[in-house]
C-alpha atoms as a PDB file:
ATOM      1  CA  UNK A   1      78.542  94.760  97.494  1.00  0.00           C
ATOM      2  CA  UNK A   2      81.577  96.448  99.008  1.00  0.00           C
ATOM      3  CA  UNK A   3      80.837  99.272 101.221  1.00  0.00           C
ATOM      4  CA  UNK A   4      83.869 100.422 100.436  1.00  0.00           C
ATOM      5  CA  UNK A   5      85.449 100.750  96.989  1.00  0.00           C
ATOM      6  CA  UNK A   6      88.410 102.161  98.245  1.00  0.00           C
ATOM      7  CA  UNK A   7      89.456 100.515 100.360  1.00  0.00           C
ATOM      8  CA  UNK A   8      88.820  97.154  99.080  1.00  0.00           C
ATOM      9  CA  UNK A   9      91.013  98.904  95.835  1.00  0.00           C
ATOM     10  CA  UNK A  10      93.849  99.335  98.477  1.00  0.00           C
ATOM     11  CA  UNK A  11      93.893  95.976 100.400  1.00  0.00           C
ATOM     12  CA  UNK A  12      93.950  94.456  96.847  1.00  0.00           C
ATOM     13  CA  UNK A  13      97.234  95.941  96.020  1.00  0.00           C
ATOM     14  CA  UNK A  14      98.325  95.076  99.646  1.00  0.00           C
ATOM     15  CA  UNK A  15      98.219  91.782  99.220  1.00  0.00           C
ATOM     16  CA  UNK A  16      99.365  91.249  96.113  1.00  0.00           C
ATOM     17  CA  UNK A  17     102.530  93.128  97.391  1.00  0.00           C
ATOM     18  CA  UNK A  18     102.623  91.032 100.152  1.00  0.00           C
ATOM     19  CA  UNK A  19     103.170  87.605  98.137  1.00  0.00           C
ATOM     20  CA  UNK A  20     104.918  89.612  94.671  1.00  0.00           C
ATOM     21  CA  UNK A  21     101.925  88.611  92.421  1.00  0.00           C
ATOM     22  CA  UNK A  22     101.977  90.755  89.520  1.00  0.00           C
ATOM     23  CA  UNK A  23      99.007  92.155  88.241  1.00  0.00           C
ATOM     24  CA  UNK A  24      95.608  91.868  90.057  1.00  0.00           C
ATOM     25  CA  UNK A  25      91.811  92.908  88.198  1.00  0.00           C
ATOM     26  CA  UNK A  26      89.794  95.651  89.743  1.00  0.00           C
ATOM     27  CA  UNK A  27      86.384  96.518  89.344  1.00  0.00           C
ATOM     28  CA  UNK A  28      86.193  99.615  86.751  1.00  0.00           C
ATOM     29  CA  UNK A  29      85.654 103.265  88.689  1.00  0.00           C
ATOM     30  CA  UNK A  30      86.877 106.859  87.596  1.00  0.00           C
ATOM     31  CA  UNK A  31      87.756 107.249  91.477  1.00  0.00           C
ATOM     32  CA  UNK A  32      89.828 104.425  91.604  1.00  0.00           C
ATOM     33  CA  UNK A  33      91.763 104.391  87.321  1.00  0.00           C
ATOM     34  CA  UNK A  34      92.092 108.816  89.279  1.00  0.00           C
ATOM     35  CA  UNK A  35      94.300 107.305  92.174  1.00  0.00           C
ATOM     36  CA  UNK A  36      95.859 103.960  90.989  1.00  0.00           C
ATOM     37  CA  UNK A  37      97.695 106.601  88.209  1.00  0.00           C
ATOM     38  CA  UNK A  38      98.934 109.252  91.277  1.00  0.00           C
ATOM     39  CA  UNK A  39     100.703 105.559  92.708  1.00  0.00           C
ATOM     40  CA  UNK A  40     101.265 104.955  88.919  1.00  0.00           C
ATOM     41  CA  UNK A  41     103.547 108.568  88.460  1.00  0.00           C
ATOM     42  CA  UNK A  42     105.233 107.644  92.185  1.00  0.00           C
ATOM     43  CA  UNK A  43     106.497 104.885  90.962  1.00  0.00           C
ATOM     44  CA  UNK A  44     104.588 102.303  93.985  1.00  0.00           C
ATOM     45  CA  UNK A  45     102.291 100.577  90.454  1.00  0.00           C
ATOM     46  CA  UNK A  46     103.725  99.655  86.822  1.00  0.00           C
ATOM     47  CA  UNK A  47     100.903  99.931  84.624  1.00  0.00           C
ATOM     48  CA  UNK A  48      97.344 100.365  84.401  1.00  0.00           C
ATOM     49  CA  UNK A  49      95.869  99.405  81.719  1.00  0.00           C
ATOM     50  CA  UNK A  50      91.425  99.704  81.056  1.00  0.00           C
ATOM     51  CA  UNK A  51      89.000  96.853  79.900  1.00  0.00           C
ATOM     52  CA  UNK A  52      85.994  98.874  78.826  1.00  0.00           C
ATOM     53  CA  UNK A  53      84.510  96.017  77.632  1.00  0.00           C
ATOM     54  CA  UNK A  54      84.141  93.857  80.721  1.00  0.00           C
ATOM     55  CA  UNK A  55      84.630  97.115  83.306  1.00  0.00           C
ATOM     56  CA  UNK A  56      87.736  96.711  85.212  1.00  0.00           C
ATOM     57  CA  UNK A  57      91.671  97.671  85.654  1.00  0.00           C
ATOM     58  CA  UNK A  58      94.220  95.303  84.880  1.00  0.00           C
ATOM     59  CA  UNK A  59      97.222  96.783  86.710  1.00  0.00           C
ATOM     60  CA  UNK A  60     100.566  95.122  86.273  1.00  0.00           C
ATOM     61  CA  UNK A  61     102.764  95.191  89.930  1.00  0.00           C
ATOM     62  CA  UNK A  62     105.756  93.753  88.459  1.00  0.00           C
ATOM     63  CA  UNK A  63     108.338  96.349  88.485  1.00  0.00           C
ATOM     64  CA  UNK A  64     107.067  98.940  90.680  1.00  0.00           C
ATOM     65  CA  UNK A  65     108.824 100.445  93.518  1.00  0.00           C
ATOM     66  CA  UNK A  66     108.280  98.622  97.199  1.00  0.00           C
ATOM     67  CA  UNK A  67     106.085  99.880 100.099  1.00  0.00           C
ATOM     68  CA  UNK A  68     105.664  98.838 103.433  1.00  0.00           C
ATOM     69  CA  UNK A  69     101.933 100.089 103.806  1.00  0.00           C
ATOM     70  CA  UNK A  70      99.270 101.319 102.475  1.00  0.00           C
ATOM     71  CA  UNK A  71      96.589 102.799 105.037  1.00  0.00           C
ATOM     72  CA  UNK A  72      93.052 104.674 104.324  1.00  0.00           C
ATOM     73  CA  UNK A  73      92.587 108.164 106.011  1.00  0.00           C
ATOM     74  CA  UNK A  74      89.499 108.792 105.086  1.00  0.00           C
ATOM     75  CA  UNK A  75      86.600 105.901 105.954  1.00  0.00           C
ATOM     76  CA  UNK A  76      82.875 106.482 104.912  1.00  0.00           C
ATOM     77  CA  UNK A  77      82.489 107.209 108.212  1.00  0.00           C
ATOM     78  CA  UNK A  78      84.331 109.671 108.793  1.00  0.00           C
ATOM     79  CA  UNK A  79      86.028 111.473 106.323  1.00  0.00           C
ATOM     80  CA  UNK A  80      88.810 113.932 106.795  1.00  0.00           C
ATOM     81  CA  UNK A  81      89.461 117.208 104.985  1.00  0.00           C
ATOM     82  CA  UNK A  82      92.454 119.750 105.829  1.00  0.00           C
ATOM     83  CA  UNK A  83      93.736 122.994 104.344  1.00  0.00           C
ATOM     84  CA  UNK A  84      96.813 122.420 102.130  1.00  0.00           C
ATOM     85  CA  UNK A  85      99.363 124.126 104.888  1.00  0.00           C
ATOM     86  CA  UNK A  86      98.682 121.248 106.826  1.00  0.00           C
ATOM     87  CA  UNK A  87      99.069 118.663 103.986  1.00  0.00           C
ATOM     88  CA  UNK A  88     101.373 115.609 105.817  1.00  0.00           C
ATOM     89  CA  UNK A  89     104.687 116.144 104.105  1.00  0.00           C
ATOM     90  CA  UNK A  90     107.101 113.064 103.191  1.00  0.00           C
ATOM     91  CA  UNK A  91     110.143 112.547 101.892  1.00  0.00           C
ATOM     92  CA  UNK A  92     109.747 111.283  98.174  1.00  0.00           C
ATOM     93  CA  UNK A  93     111.196 108.148  99.239  1.00  0.00           C
ATOM     94  CA  UNK A  94     109.730 107.331 102.171  1.00  0.00           C
ATOM     95  CA  UNK A  95     106.090 107.301 101.021  1.00  0.00           C
ATOM     96  CA  UNK A  96     103.070 110.162 100.042  1.00  0.00           C
ATOM     97  CA  UNK A  97      99.732 110.944  99.981  1.00  0.00           C
ATOM     98  CA  UNK A  98      96.570 110.663  98.268  1.00  0.00           C
ATOM     99  CA  UNK A  99      94.873 113.592  97.966  1.00  0.00           C
ATOM    100  CA  UNK A 100      91.242 114.445  96.801  1.00  0.00           C
ATOM    101  CA  UNK A 101      90.565 118.229  96.089  1.00  0.00           C
ATOM    102  CA  UNK A 102      88.699 120.612  93.490  1.00  0.00           C
ATOM    103  CA  UNK A 103      90.486 119.957  91.075  1.00  0.00           C
ATOM    104  CA  UNK A 104      91.366 116.113  91.300  1.00  0.00           C
ATOM    105  CA  UNK A 105      93.047 113.537  92.624  1.00  0.00           C
ATOM    106  CA  UNK A 106      96.568 114.648  93.465  1.00  0.00           C
ATOM    107  CA  UNK A 107      99.103 112.755  95.798  1.00  0.00           C
ATOM    108  CA  UNK A 108      99.723 115.985  99.258  1.00  0.00           C
ATOM    109  CA  UNK A 109     103.055 116.965  97.828  1.00  0.00           C
ATOM    110  CA  UNK A 110     101.399 118.478  94.229  1.00  0.00           C
ATOM    111  CA  UNK A 111      98.326 119.635  96.039  1.00  0.00           C
ATOM    112  CA  UNK A 112     100.582 121.343  98.523  1.00  0.00           C
ATOM    113  CA  UNK A 113     102.273 123.402  95.149  1.00  0.00           C
ATOM    114  CA  UNK A 114      98.673 124.576  93.671  1.00  0.00           C
ATOM    115  CA  UNK A 115      97.376 125.608  97.056  1.00  0.00           C
ATOM    116  CA  UNK A 116      94.911 123.091  97.651  1.00  0.00           C
ATOM    117  CA  UNK A 117      93.124 121.392 100.409  1.00  0.00           C
ATOM    118  CA  UNK A 118      90.389 118.489 100.258  1.00  0.00           C
ATOM    119  CA  UNK A 119      90.335 115.001 101.559  1.00  0.00           C
ATOM    120  CA  UNK A 120      93.028 113.064 102.466  1.00  0.00           C
ATOM    121  CA  UNK A 121      92.405 109.873 100.520  1.00  0.00           C
ATOM    122  CA  UNK A 122      95.474 107.230 101.660  1.00  0.00           C
ATOM    123  CA  UNK A 123      98.690 107.341 103.363  1.00  0.00           C
ATOM    124  CA  UNK A 124     101.448 104.946 100.726  1.00  0.00           C
ATOM    125  CA  UNK A 125     105.159 104.429 102.261  1.00  0.00           C
END
């Protein structure tokens, strides 16, 4: 059993991007699907397809933006929370923060605009 499924998702994406793999398959969870939809919205993955029969998510990476790094911020042993005014800010071209807020998982920019803080999940550059 995986102790941190979100870190596993991020490592699978990073490794697939490193070897120019076009698609990966990850085990299904609602939080992974939400994180992947934020990454898709910002262009870091090109497609998401739920396979409800096998309980998997197929992630397409072929037409996605290149990423230099993808780093887990909040971990099961040490959660990292922030206010909306203290969410790290990146320029659109340099990266995004993925944050879990009371209204769902959003990019840092969306959370800041809506005035919601929360748990910092990961940073993508």
